[in-house]
Amino acid sequence: MKKIEAIIKPFKLGEVKEALSELGVKGMTVSDVKGFGRQKGHKE
């Protein structure tokens, strides 16, 4: 068994699920999270 953790943009979820399914991944847990902090740079 292997554990994979990934942080992806919400609009990429379908693409990631499809790719993992093609690799034989049969289940996953998806959580919607929000964050804050001092990091500068990327804004959505």
N, C-alpha and C. Protein backbone atom coordinates (compact mmCIF):
# COMPACT_ATOMS: atom_id res chain seq x y z
N MET A 1 0.85 -1.17 0.00
CA MET A 1 0.00 0.00 0.00
C MET A 1 0.90 1.23 0.00
N LYS A 2 0.48 2.25 -0.73
CA LYS A 2 1.22 3.51 -0.78
C LYS A 2 0.27 4.66 -0.52
N LYS A 3 0.77 5.68 0.15
CA LYS A 3 -0.01 6.88 0.42
C LYS A 3 0.54 8.00 -0.44
N ILE A 4 -0.36 8.68 -1.13
CA ILE A 4 0.03 9.82 -1.96
C ILE A 4 -0.75 11.03 -1.45
N GLU A 5 -0.05 12.10 -1.16
CA GLU A 5 -0.70 13.36 -0.80
C GLU A 5 -0.36 14.38 -1.86
N ALA A 6 -1.38 15.10 -2.33
CA ALA A 6 -1.14 16.10 -3.37
C ALA A 6 -2.01 17.32 -3.11
N ILE A 7 -1.45 18.47 -3.37
CA ILE A 7 -2.20 19.72 -3.30
C ILE A 7 -2.32 20.21 -4.74
N ILE A 8 -3.56 20.24 -5.22
CA ILE A 8 -3.79 20.63 -6.61
C ILE A 8 -4.85 21.72 -6.67
N LYS A 9 -4.88 22.42 -7.76
CA LYS A 9 -5.91 23.44 -7.98
C LYS A 9 -7.24 22.74 -8.26
N PRO A 10 -8.34 23.31 -7.76
CA PRO A 10 -9.64 22.65 -7.92
C PRO A 10 -10.01 22.32 -9.36
N PHE A 11 -9.64 23.16 -10.31
CA PHE A 11 -10.02 22.90 -11.70
C PHE A 11 -9.26 21.73 -12.31
N LYS A 12 -8.22 21.25 -11.63
CA LYS A 12 -7.44 20.11 -12.12
C LYS A 12 -7.92 18.77 -11.53
N LEU A 13 -8.88 18.80 -10.62
CA LEU A 13 -9.29 17.58 -9.93
C LEU A 13 -9.75 16.49 -10.89
N GLY A 14 -10.59 16.82 -11.84
CA GLY A 14 -11.08 15.82 -12.79
C GLY A 14 -9.96 15.15 -13.56
N GLU A 15 -9.03 15.95 -14.03
CA GLU A 15 -7.88 15.44 -14.78
C GLU A 15 -7.02 14.51 -13.92
N VAL A 16 -6.80 14.90 -12.67
CA VAL A 16 -5.98 14.09 -11.76
C VAL A 16 -6.70 12.78 -11.43
N LYS A 17 -8.01 12.84 -11.17
CA LYS A 17 -8.77 11.63 -10.87
C LYS A 17 -8.73 10.66 -12.05
N GLU A 18 -8.88 11.18 -13.24
CA GLU A 18 -8.84 10.33 -14.43
C GLU A 18 -7.48 9.66 -14.59
N ALA A 19 -6.41 10.43 -14.41
CA ALA A 19 -5.06 9.88 -14.54
C ALA A 19 -4.80 8.80 -13.48
N LEU A 20 -5.22 9.04 -12.25
CA LEU A 20 -5.02 8.05 -11.20
C LEU A 20 -5.84 6.79 -11.45
N SER A 21 -7.04 6.97 -11.96
CA SER A 21 -7.88 5.82 -12.30
C SER A 21 -7.22 4.95 -13.35
N GLU A 22 -6.62 5.58 -14.35
CA GLU A 22 -5.91 4.84 -15.40
C GLU A 22 -4.72 4.06 -14.84
N LEU A 23 -4.19 4.52 -13.71
CA LEU A 23 -3.06 3.83 -13.07
C LEU A 23 -3.52 2.76 -12.09
N GLY A 24 -4.84 2.61 -11.94
CA GLY A 24 -5.36 1.57 -11.07
C GLY A 24 -5.76 2.01 -9.67
N VAL A 25 -5.73 3.31 -9.40
CA VAL A 25 -6.15 3.81 -8.09
C VAL A 25 -7.66 3.68 -8.01
N LYS A 26 -8.16 3.00 -6.97
CA LYS A 26 -9.58 2.72 -6.88
C LYS A 26 -10.34 3.64 -5.92
N GLY A 27 -9.64 4.41 -5.12
CA GLY A 27 -10.33 5.28 -4.17
C GLY A 27 -9.44 6.43 -3.74
N MET A 28 -10.08 7.47 -3.25
CA MET A 28 -9.32 8.63 -2.77
C MET A 28 -10.20 9.46 -1.85
N THR A 29 -9.56 10.29 -1.07
CA THR A 29 -10.25 11.25 -0.23
C THR A 29 -9.88 12.63 -0.73
N VAL A 30 -10.90 13.48 -0.92
CA VAL A 30 -10.69 14.84 -1.42
C VAL A 30 -11.22 15.81 -0.37
N SER A 31 -10.42 16.80 0.00
CA SER A 31 -10.82 17.82 0.96
C SER A 31 -10.61 19.20 0.35
N ASP A 32 -11.59 20.06 0.56
CA ASP A 32 -11.47 21.45 0.13
C ASP A 32 -10.86 22.22 1.30
N VAL A 33 -9.71 22.84 1.09
CA VAL A 33 -9.04 23.54 2.18
C VAL A 33 -8.77 24.99 1.80
N LYS A 34 -8.64 25.81 2.79
CA LYS A 34 -8.27 27.22 2.62
C LYS A 34 -7.02 27.46 3.46
N GLY A 35 -6.20 28.38 3.03
CA GLY A 35 -4.99 28.65 3.78
C GLY A 35 -4.71 30.15 3.83
N PHE A 36 -3.80 30.51 4.70
CA PHE A 36 -3.36 31.89 4.78
C PHE A 36 -1.95 31.89 5.33
N GLY A 37 -1.28 33.00 5.18
CA GLY A 37 0.07 33.07 5.69
C GLY A 37 0.83 34.23 5.07
N ARG A 38 2.14 34.16 5.14
CA ARG A 38 2.98 35.25 4.70
C ARG A 38 3.55 35.04 3.30
N GLN A 39 3.26 33.92 2.69
CA GLN A 39 3.82 33.63 1.38
C GLN A 39 3.38 34.68 0.37
N LYS A 40 4.33 35.17 -0.40
CA LYS A 40 4.03 36.15 -1.43
C LYS A 40 4.11 35.48 -2.78
N GLY A 41 3.49 36.07 -3.74
CA GLY A 41 3.60 35.52 -5.08
C GLY A 41 2.25 35.20 -5.68
N HIS A 42 1.94 33.94 -5.77
CA HIS A 42 0.76 33.49 -6.50
C HIS A 42 -0.53 33.91 -5.81
N LYS A 43 -1.42 34.53 -6.57
CA LYS A 43 -2.74 34.90 -6.07
C LYS A 43 -3.78 34.36 -7.02
N GLU A 44 -4.92 33.96 -6.46
CA GLU A 44 -6.02 33.48 -7.31
C GLU A 44 -7.19 34.41 -7.19
